[in-house]
Amino acid sequence: EMKASTLVKNEQGLGSGFDLELSEVVLPAHQNHMGHTFGGIVMSWMAKAALAEASRKAKRMIGSLLIRSVLRVEFASRSDV
């Protein structure tokens, strides 16, 4: 068992500064045959962090929010499990 963290920081001056950190337990089911985390799993963790912060900012329940699109995601390096 390993833990992965997603840290969201406001560095673009969008309102007051914030830090949000979510932790996930990384399981063998999250890795491919080479021992790297599936990109879709990492993207789902990023979406969870984004929705949590959007919910806080909008003062609405997470279930009432929706991510309409993601234009591009680039991973700087692989994530080993």
PDB file of N, CA and C in Angstrom:
ATOM      1  N   GLU A   1       0.832  -1.180   0.000  1.00  0.00           N
ATOM      2  CA  GLU A   1       0.000   0.000   0.000  1.00  0.00           C
ATOM      3  C   GLU A   1       0.872   1.238   0.000  1.00  0.00           C
ATOM      4  N   MET A   2       0.570   2.140  -0.897  1.00  0.00           N
ATOM      5  CA  MET A   2       1.256   3.424  -0.962  1.00  0.00           C
ATOM      6  C   MET A   2       0.194   4.508  -0.945  1.00  0.00           C
ATOM      7  N   LYS A   3       0.603   5.709  -0.684  1.00  0.00           N
ATOM      8  CA  LYS A   3      -0.320   6.832  -0.734  1.00  0.00           C
ATOM      9  C   LYS A   3       0.123   7.792  -1.816  1.00  0.00           C
ATOM     10  N   ALA A   4      -0.840   8.351  -2.511  1.00  0.00           N
ATOM     11  CA  ALA A   4      -0.588   9.382  -3.510  1.00  0.00           C
ATOM     12  C   ALA A   4      -1.295  10.633  -3.044  1.00  0.00           C
ATOM     13  N   SER A   5      -0.683  11.760  -3.269  1.00  0.00           N
ATOM     14  CA  SER A   5      -1.299  13.024  -2.876  1.00  0.00           C
ATOM     15  C   SER A   5      -1.477  13.905  -4.087  1.00  0.00           C
ATOM     16  N   THR A   6      -2.566  14.613  -4.107  1.00  0.00           N
ATOM     17  CA  THR A   6      -2.831  15.625  -5.125  1.00  0.00           C
ATOM     18  C   THR A   6      -2.865  16.954  -4.397  1.00  0.00           C
ATOM     19  N   LEU A   7      -2.001  17.857  -4.784  1.00  0.00           N
ATOM     20  CA  LEU A   7      -1.946  19.172  -4.152  1.00  0.00           C
ATOM     21  C   LEU A   7      -2.378  20.201  -5.174  1.00  0.00           C
ATOM     22  N   VAL A   8      -3.389  20.964  -4.836  1.00  0.00           N
ATOM     23  CA  VAL A   8      -3.892  22.010  -5.715  1.00  0.00           C
ATOM     24  C   VAL A   8      -3.506  23.338  -5.084  1.00  0.00           C
ATOM     25  N   LYS A   9      -2.838  24.179  -5.844  1.00  0.00           N
ATOM     26  CA  LYS A   9      -2.442  25.483  -5.331  1.00  0.00           C
ATOM     27  C   LYS A   9      -2.978  26.581  -6.242  1.00  0.00           C
ATOM     28  N   ASN A  10      -3.356  27.681  -5.642  1.00  0.00           N
ATOM     29  CA  ASN A  10      -3.795  28.838  -6.405  1.00  0.00           C
ATOM     30  C   ASN A  10      -2.593  29.749  -6.586  1.00  0.00           C
ATOM     31  N   GLU A  11      -2.002  29.715  -7.765  1.00  0.00           N
ATOM     32  CA  GLU A  11      -0.832  30.550  -8.033  1.00  0.00           C
ATOM     33  C   GLU A  11      -1.143  31.597  -9.089  1.00  0.00           C
ATOM     34  N   GLN A  12      -2.415  31.736  -9.473  1.00  0.00           N
ATOM     35  CA  GLN A  12      -2.776  32.651 -10.543  1.00  0.00           C
ATOM     36  C   GLN A  12      -3.589  33.838 -10.049  1.00  0.00           C
ATOM     37  N   GLY A  13      -3.622  34.047  -8.761  1.00  0.00           N
ATOM     38  CA  GLY A  13      -4.316  35.198  -8.218  1.00  0.00           C
ATOM     39  C   GLY A  13      -5.828  35.127  -8.332  1.00  0.00           C
ATOM     40  N   LEU A  14      -6.395  33.941  -8.361  1.00  0.00           N
ATOM     41  CA  LEU A  14      -7.838  33.784  -8.483  1.00  0.00           C
ATOM     42  C   LEU A  14      -8.470  33.787  -7.098  1.00  0.00           C
ATOM     43  N   GLY A  15      -8.661  34.948  -6.552  1.00  0.00           N
ATOM     44  CA  GLY A  15      -9.228  35.035  -5.213  1.00  0.00           C
ATOM     45  C   GLY A  15      -8.172  34.793  -4.153  1.00  0.00           C
ATOM     46  N   SER A  16      -8.621  34.394  -2.991  1.00  0.00           N
ATOM     47  CA  SER A  16      -7.681  34.180  -1.901  1.00  0.00           C
ATOM     48  C   SER A  16      -6.893  32.902  -2.143  1.00  0.00           C
ATOM     49  N   GLY A  17      -5.700  32.854  -1.607  1.00  0.00           N
ATOM     50  CA  GLY A  17      -4.855  31.683  -1.762  1.00  0.00           C
ATOM     51  C   GLY A  17      -5.440  30.483  -1.033  1.00  0.00           C
ATOM     52  N   PHE A  18      -5.147  29.305  -1.526  1.00  0.00           N
ATOM     53  CA  PHE A  18      -5.646  28.096  -0.897  1.00  0.00           C
ATOM     54  C   PHE A  18      -4.689  26.959  -1.166  1.00  0.00           C
ATOM     55  N   ASP A  19      -4.747  25.987  -0.341  1.00  0.00           N
ATOM     56  CA  ASP A  19      -4.057  24.720  -0.553  1.00  0.00           C
ATOM     57  C   ASP A  19      -5.071  23.625  -0.282  1.00  0.00           C
ATOM     58  N   LEU A  20      -5.090  22.635  -1.129  1.00  0.00           N
ATOM     59  CA  LEU A  20      -5.965  21.497  -0.950  1.00  0.00           C
ATOM     60  C   LEU A  20      -5.130  20.257  -1.205  1.00  0.00           C
ATOM     61  N   GLU A  21      -5.114  19.357  -0.275  1.00  0.00           N
ATOM     62  CA  GLU A  21      -4.357  18.124  -0.454  1.00  0.00           C
ATOM     63  C   GLU A  21      -5.264  16.938  -0.185  1.00  0.00           C
ATOM     64  N   LEU A  22      -5.343  16.033  -1.150  1.00  0.00           N
ATOM     65  CA  LEU A  22      -6.105  14.799  -1.013  1.00  0.00           C
ATOM     66  C   LEU A  22      -5.127  13.643  -1.044  1.00  0.00           C
ATOM     67  N   SER A  23      -5.375  12.639  -0.254  1.00  0.00           N
ATOM     68  CA  SER A  23      -4.527  11.447  -0.247  1.00  0.00           C
ATOM     69  C   SER A  23      -5.336  10.248  -0.714  1.00  0.00           C
ATOM     70  N   GLU A  24      -4.709   9.404  -1.489  1.00  0.00           N
ATOM     71  CA  GLU A  24      -5.333   8.189  -2.002  1.00  0.00           C
ATOM     72  C   GLU A  24      -4.420   7.007  -1.697  1.00  0.00           C
ATOM     73  N   VAL A  25      -4.996   5.892  -1.402  1.00  0.00           N
ATOM     74  CA  VAL A  25      -4.227   4.662  -1.236  1.00  0.00           C
ATOM     75  C   VAL A  25      -4.039   4.060  -2.623  1.00  0.00           C
ATOM     76  N   VAL A  26      -2.789   3.838  -3.001  1.00  0.00           N
ATOM     77  CA  VAL A  26      -2.479   3.275  -4.316  1.00  0.00           C
ATOM     78  C   VAL A  26      -2.438   1.761  -4.187  1.00  0.00           C
ATOM     79  N   LEU A  27      -3.315   1.100  -4.917  1.00  0.00           N
ATOM     80  CA  LEU A  27      -3.444  -0.354  -4.863  1.00  0.00           C
ATOM     81  C   LEU A  27      -2.858  -0.990  -6.118  1.00  0.00           C
ATOM     82  N   PRO A  28      -2.572  -2.279  -6.079  1.00  0.00           N
ATOM     83  CA  PRO A  28      -2.059  -2.955  -7.278  1.00  0.00           C
ATOM     84  C   PRO A  28      -2.971  -2.798  -8.493  1.00  0.00           C
ATOM     85  N   ALA A  29      -4.261  -2.669  -8.288  1.00  0.00           N
ATOM     86  CA  ALA A  29      -5.192  -2.493  -9.404  1.00  0.00           C
ATOM     87  C   ALA A  29      -4.991  -1.157 -10.125  1.00  0.00           C
ATOM     88  N   HIS A  30      -4.277  -0.215  -9.528  1.00  0.00           N
ATOM     89  CA  HIS A  30      -4.027   1.093 -10.121  1.00  0.00           C
ATOM     90  C   HIS A  30      -2.805   1.097 -11.034  1.00  0.00           C
ATOM     91  N   GLN A  31      -2.130  -0.021 -11.168  1.00  0.00           N
ATOM     92  CA  GLN A  31      -0.900  -0.047 -11.959  1.00  0.00           C
ATOM     93  C   GLN A  31      -1.040  -0.927 -13.198  1.00  0.00           C
ATOM     94  N   ASN A  32      -0.211  -0.631 -14.185  1.00  0.00           N
ATOM     95  CA  ASN A  32      -0.178  -1.460 -15.381  1.00  0.00           C
ATOM     96  C   ASN A  32       0.869  -2.567 -15.192  1.00  0.00           C
ATOM     97  N   HIS A  33       1.123  -3.326 -16.235  1.00  0.00           N
ATOM     98  CA  HIS A  33       2.046  -4.458 -16.134  1.00  0.00           C
ATOM     99  C   HIS A  33       3.498  -4.028 -15.897  1.00  0.00           C
ATOM    100  N   MET A  34       3.807  -2.741 -16.111  1.00  0.00           N
ATOM    101  CA  MET A  34       5.170  -2.251 -15.887  1.00  0.00           C
ATOM    102  C   MET A  34       5.321  -1.588 -14.518  1.00  0.00           C
ATOM    103  N   GLY A  35       4.255  -1.591 -13.720  1.00  0.00           N
ATOM    104  CA  GLY A  35       4.332  -1.022 -12.373  1.00  0.00           C
ATOM    105  C   GLY A  35       4.105   0.475 -12.309  1.00  0.00           C
ATOM    106  N   HIS A  36       3.583   1.073 -13.389  1.00  0.00           N
ATOM    107  CA  HIS A  36       3.294   2.503 -13.418  1.00  0.00           C
ATOM    108  C   HIS A  36       1.800   2.723 -13.193  1.00  0.00           C
ATOM    109  N   THR A  37       1.476   3.828 -12.559  1.00  0.00           N
ATOM    110  CA  THR A  37       0.071   4.161 -12.309  1.00  0.00           C
ATOM    111  C   THR A  37      -0.621   4.492 -13.631  1.00  0.00           C
ATOM    112  N   PHE A  38      -1.825   3.971 -13.825  1.00  0.00           N
ATOM    113  CA  PHE A  38      -2.604   4.300 -15.010  1.00  0.00           C
ATOM    114  C   PHE A  38      -2.893   5.802 -15.028  1.00  0.00           C
ATOM    115  N   GLY A  39      -2.736   6.437 -16.190  1.00  0.00           N
ATOM    116  CA  GLY A  39      -2.992   7.875 -16.320  1.00  0.00           C
ATOM    117  C   GLY A  39      -4.427   8.240 -15.990  1.00  0.00           C
ATOM    118  N   GLY A  40      -5.361   7.376 -16.348  1.00  0.00           N
ATOM    119  CA  GLY A  40      -6.770   7.645 -16.055  1.00  0.00           C
ATOM    120  C   GLY A  40      -7.056   7.696 -14.570  1.00  0.00           C
ATOM    121  N   ILE A  41      -6.348   6.866 -13.810  1.00  0.00           N
ATOM    122  CA  ILE A  41      -6.494   6.877 -12.344  1.00  0.00           C
ATOM    123  C   ILE A  41      -6.001   8.212 -11.790  1.00  0.00           C
ATOM    124  N   VAL A  42      -4.836   8.648 -12.261  1.00  0.00           N
ATOM    125  CA  VAL A  42      -4.274   9.918 -11.797  1.00  0.00           C
ATOM    126  C   VAL A  42      -5.204  11.065 -12.180  1.00  0.00           C
ATOM    127  N   MET A  43      -5.755  11.016 -13.397  1.00  0.00           N
ATOM    128  CA  MET A  43      -6.689  12.067 -13.820  1.00  0.00           C
ATOM    129  C   MET A  43      -7.944  12.081 -12.950  1.00  0.00           C
ATOM    130  N   SER A  44      -8.421  10.911 -12.530  1.00  0.00           N
ATOM    131  CA  SER A  44      -9.604  10.879 -11.663  1.00  0.00           C
ATOM    132  C   SER A  44      -9.295  11.493 -10.302  1.00  0.00           C
ATOM    133  N   TRP A  45      -8.075  11.291  -9.813  1.00  0.00           N
ATOM    134  CA  TRP A  45      -7.681  11.916  -8.545  1.00  0.00           C
ATOM    135  C   TRP A  45      -7.599  13.431  -8.708  1.00  0.00           C
ATOM    136  N   MET A  46      -7.076  13.893  -9.842  1.00  0.00           N
ATOM    137  CA  MET A  46      -7.011  15.338 -10.103  1.00  0.00           C
ATOM    138  C   MET A  46      -8.414  15.927 -10.187  1.00  0.00           C
ATOM    139  N   ALA A  47      -9.336  15.207 -10.835  1.00  0.00           N
ATOM    140  CA  ALA A  47     -10.721  15.680 -10.952  1.00  0.00           C
ATOM    141  C   ALA A  47     -11.381  15.757  -9.581  1.00  0.00           C
ATOM    142  N   LYS A  48     -11.102  14.782  -8.740  1.00  0.00           N
ATOM    143  CA  LYS A  48     -11.668  14.791  -7.385  1.00  0.00           C
ATOM    144  C   LYS A  48     -11.199  16.027  -6.620  1.00  0.00           C
ATOM    145  N   ALA A  49      -9.914  16.371  -6.750  1.00  0.00           N
ATOM    146  CA  ALA A  49      -9.379  17.559  -6.081  1.00  0.00           C
ATOM    147  C   ALA A  49      -9.998  18.829  -6.654  1.00  0.00           C
ATOM    148  N   ALA A  50     -10.133  18.884  -7.971  1.00  0.00           N
ATOM    149  CA  ALA A  50     -10.714  20.066  -8.614  1.00  0.00           C
ATOM    150  C   ALA A  50     -12.165  20.264  -8.182  1.00  0.00           C
ATOM    151  N   LEU A  51     -12.932  19.185  -8.140  1.00  0.00           N
ATOM    152  CA  LEU A  51     -14.334  19.295  -7.715  1.00  0.00           C
ATOM    153  C   LEU A  51     -14.454  19.687  -6.243  1.00  0.00           C
ATOM    154  N   ALA A  52     -13.565  19.174  -5.415  1.00  0.00           N
ATOM    155  CA  ALA A  52     -13.603  19.542  -3.991  1.00  0.00           C
ATOM    156  C   ALA A  52     -13.351  21.035  -3.822  1.00  0.00           C
ATOM    157  N   GLU A  53     -12.369  21.567  -4.542  1.00  0.00           N
ATOM    158  CA  GLU A  53     -12.074  22.996  -4.429  1.00  0.00           C
ATOM    159  C   GLU A  53     -13.172  23.840  -5.068  1.00  0.00           C
ATOM    160  N   ALA A  54     -13.701  23.412  -6.215  1.00  0.00           N
ATOM    161  CA  ALA A  54     -14.799  24.146  -6.854  1.00  0.00           C
ATOM    162  C   ALA A  54     -16.018  24.182  -5.940  1.00  0.00           C
ATOM    163  N   SER A  55     -16.283  23.079  -5.258  1.00  0.00           N
ATOM    164  CA  SER A  55     -17.399  23.013  -4.326  1.00  0.00           C
ATOM    165  C   SER A  55     -17.217  24.012  -3.188  1.00  0.00           C
ATOM    166  N   ARG A  56     -15.994  24.094  -2.702  1.00  0.00           N
ATOM    167  CA  ARG A  56     -15.696  25.033  -1.615  1.00  0.00           C
ATOM    168  C   ARG A  56     -15.872  26.474  -2.085  1.00  0.00           C
ATOM    169  N   LYS A  57     -15.336  26.780  -3.262  1.00  0.00           N
ATOM    170  CA  LYS A  57     -15.408  28.145  -3.777  1.00  0.00           C
ATOM    171  C   LYS A  57     -16.840  28.550  -4.126  1.00  0.00           C
ATOM    172  N   ALA A  58     -17.592  27.627  -4.727  1.00  0.00           N
ATOM    173  CA  ALA A  58     -18.959  27.938  -5.163  1.00  0.00           C
ATOM    174  C   ALA A  58     -19.977  27.768  -4.044  1.00  0.00           C
ATOM    175  N   LYS A  59     -19.531  27.200  -2.917  1.00  0.00           N
ATOM    176  CA  LYS A  59     -20.425  26.925  -1.783  1.00  0.00           C
ATOM    177  C   LYS A  59     -21.615  26.078  -2.227  1.00  0.00           C
ATOM    178  N   ARG A  60     -21.296  25.037  -3.020  1.00  0.00           N
ATOM    179  CA  ARG A  60     -22.310  24.103  -3.513  1.00  0.00           C
ATOM    180  C   ARG A  60     -21.833  22.689  -3.247  1.00  0.00           C
ATOM    181  N   MET A  61     -22.750  21.758  -3.257  1.00  0.00           N
ATOM    182  CA  MET A  61     -22.409  20.354  -3.045  1.00  0.00           C
ATOM    183  C   MET A  61     -21.684  19.816  -4.280  1.00  0.00           C
ATOM    184  N   ILE A  62     -20.744  18.905  -4.062  1.00  0.00           N
ATOM    185  CA  ILE A  62     -19.963  18.340  -5.159  1.00  0.00           C
ATOM    186  C   ILE A  62     -20.872  17.692  -6.204  1.00  0.00           C
ATOM    187  N   GLY A  63     -21.939  17.050  -5.781  1.00  0.00           N
ATOM    188  CA  GLY A  63     -22.839  16.381  -6.709  1.00  0.00           C
ATOM    189  C   GLY A  63     -23.541  17.325  -7.677  1.00  0.00           C
ATOM    190  N   SER A  64     -23.541  18.623  -7.372  1.00  0.00           N
ATOM    191  CA  SER A  64     -24.207  19.584  -8.255  1.00  0.00           C
ATOM    192  C   SER A  64     -23.236  20.225  -9.245  1.00  0.00           C
ATOM    193  N   LEU A  65     -21.959  19.817  -9.201  1.00  0.00           N
ATOM    194  CA  LEU A  65     -20.948  20.381 -10.092  1.00  0.00           C
ATOM    195  C   LEU A  65     -20.541  19.365 -11.147  1.00  0.00           C
ATOM    196  N   LEU A  66     -20.039  19.864 -12.271  1.00  0.00           N
ATOM    197  CA  LEU A  66     -19.668  19.008 -13.386  1.00  0.00           C
ATOM    198  C   LEU A  66     -18.428  19.559 -14.070  1.00  0.00           C
ATOM    199  N   ILE A  67     -17.490  18.699 -14.397  1.00  0.00           N
ATOM    200  CA  ILE A  67     -16.349  19.094 -15.214  1.00  0.00           C
ATOM    201  C   ILE A  67     -16.783  18.924 -16.663  1.00  0.00           C
ATOM    202  N   ARG A  68     -16.850  20.017 -17.395  1.00  0.00           N
ATOM    203  CA  ARG A  68     -17.343  19.951 -18.781  1.00  0.00           C
ATOM    204  C   ARG A  68     -16.310  19.392 -19.728  1.00  0.00           C
ATOM    205  N   SER A  69     -15.059  19.790 -19.567  1.00  0.00           N
ATOM    206  CA  SER A  69     -14.036  19.286 -20.486  1.00  0.00           C
ATOM    207  C   SER A  69     -12.653  19.486 -19.896  1.00  0.00           C
ATOM    208  N   VAL A  70     -11.737  18.731 -20.419  1.00  0.00           N
ATOM    209  CA  VAL A  70     -10.319  18.877 -20.103  1.00  0.00           C
ATOM    210  C   VAL A  70      -9.629  18.980 -21.457  1.00  0.00           C
ATOM    211  N   LEU A  71      -8.960  20.078 -21.697  1.00  0.00           N
ATOM    212  CA  LEU A  71      -8.352  20.296 -23.004  1.00  0.00           C
ATOM    213  C   LEU A  71      -7.071  19.491 -23.201  1.00  0.00           C
ATOM    214  N   ARG A  72      -6.271  19.410 -22.159  1.00  0.00           N
ATOM    215  CA  ARG A  72      -4.990  18.734 -22.317  1.00  0.00           C
ATOM    216  C   ARG A  72      -4.414  18.378 -20.957  1.00  0.00           C
ATOM    217  N   VAL A  73      -3.823  17.206 -20.891  1.00  0.00           N
ATOM    218  CA  VAL A  73      -3.116  16.776 -19.687  1.00  0.00           C
ATOM    219  C   VAL A  73      -1.784  16.207 -20.131  1.00  0.00           C
ATOM    220  N   GLU A  74      -0.724  16.698 -19.558  1.00  0.00           N
ATOM    221  CA  GLU A  74       0.608  16.155 -19.830  1.00  0.00           C
ATOM    222  C   GLU A  74       1.220  15.722 -18.515  1.00  0.00           C
ATOM    223  N   PHE A  75       1.749  14.529 -18.496  1.00  0.00           N
ATOM    224  CA  PHE A  75       2.437  14.037 -17.306  1.00  0.00           C
ATOM    225  C   PHE A  75       3.933  14.238 -17.523  1.00  0.00           C
ATOM    226  N   ALA A  76       4.563  14.957 -16.606  1.00  0.00           N
ATOM    227  CA  ALA A  76       5.981  15.275 -16.734  1.00  0.00           C
ATOM    228  C   ALA A  76       6.848  14.021 -16.645  1.00  0.00           C
ATOM    229  N   SER A  77       6.396  13.050 -15.886  1.00  0.00           N
ATOM    230  CA  SER A  77       7.145  11.804 -15.766  1.00  0.00           C
ATOM    231  C   SER A  77       6.173  10.708 -15.333  1.00  0.00           C
ATOM    232  N   ARG A  78       6.642   9.486 -15.382  1.00  0.00           N
ATOM    233  CA  ARG A  78       5.775   8.389 -14.995  1.00  0.00           C
ATOM    234  C   ARG A  78       5.623   8.343 -13.472  1.00  0.00           C
ATOM    235  N   SER A  79       4.595   7.689 -13.054  1.00  0.00           N
ATOM    236  CA  SER A  79       4.315   7.528 -11.638  1.00  0.00           C
ATOM    237  C   SER A  79       4.465   6.038 -11.306  1.00  0.00           C
ATOM    238  N   ASP A  80       5.478   5.715 -10.549  1.00  0.00           N
ATOM    239  CA  ASP A  80       5.726   4.314 -10.199  1.00  0.00           C
ATOM    240  C   ASP A  80       4.935   3.931  -8.951  1.00  0.00           C
ATOM    241  N   VAL A  81       4.417   2.725  -8.955  1.00  0.00           N
ATOM    242  CA  VAL A  81       3.674   2.208  -7.813  1.00  0.00           C
ATOM    243  C   VAL A  81       4.633   1.419  -6.948  1.00  0.00           C
TER     244      VAL A  81
END
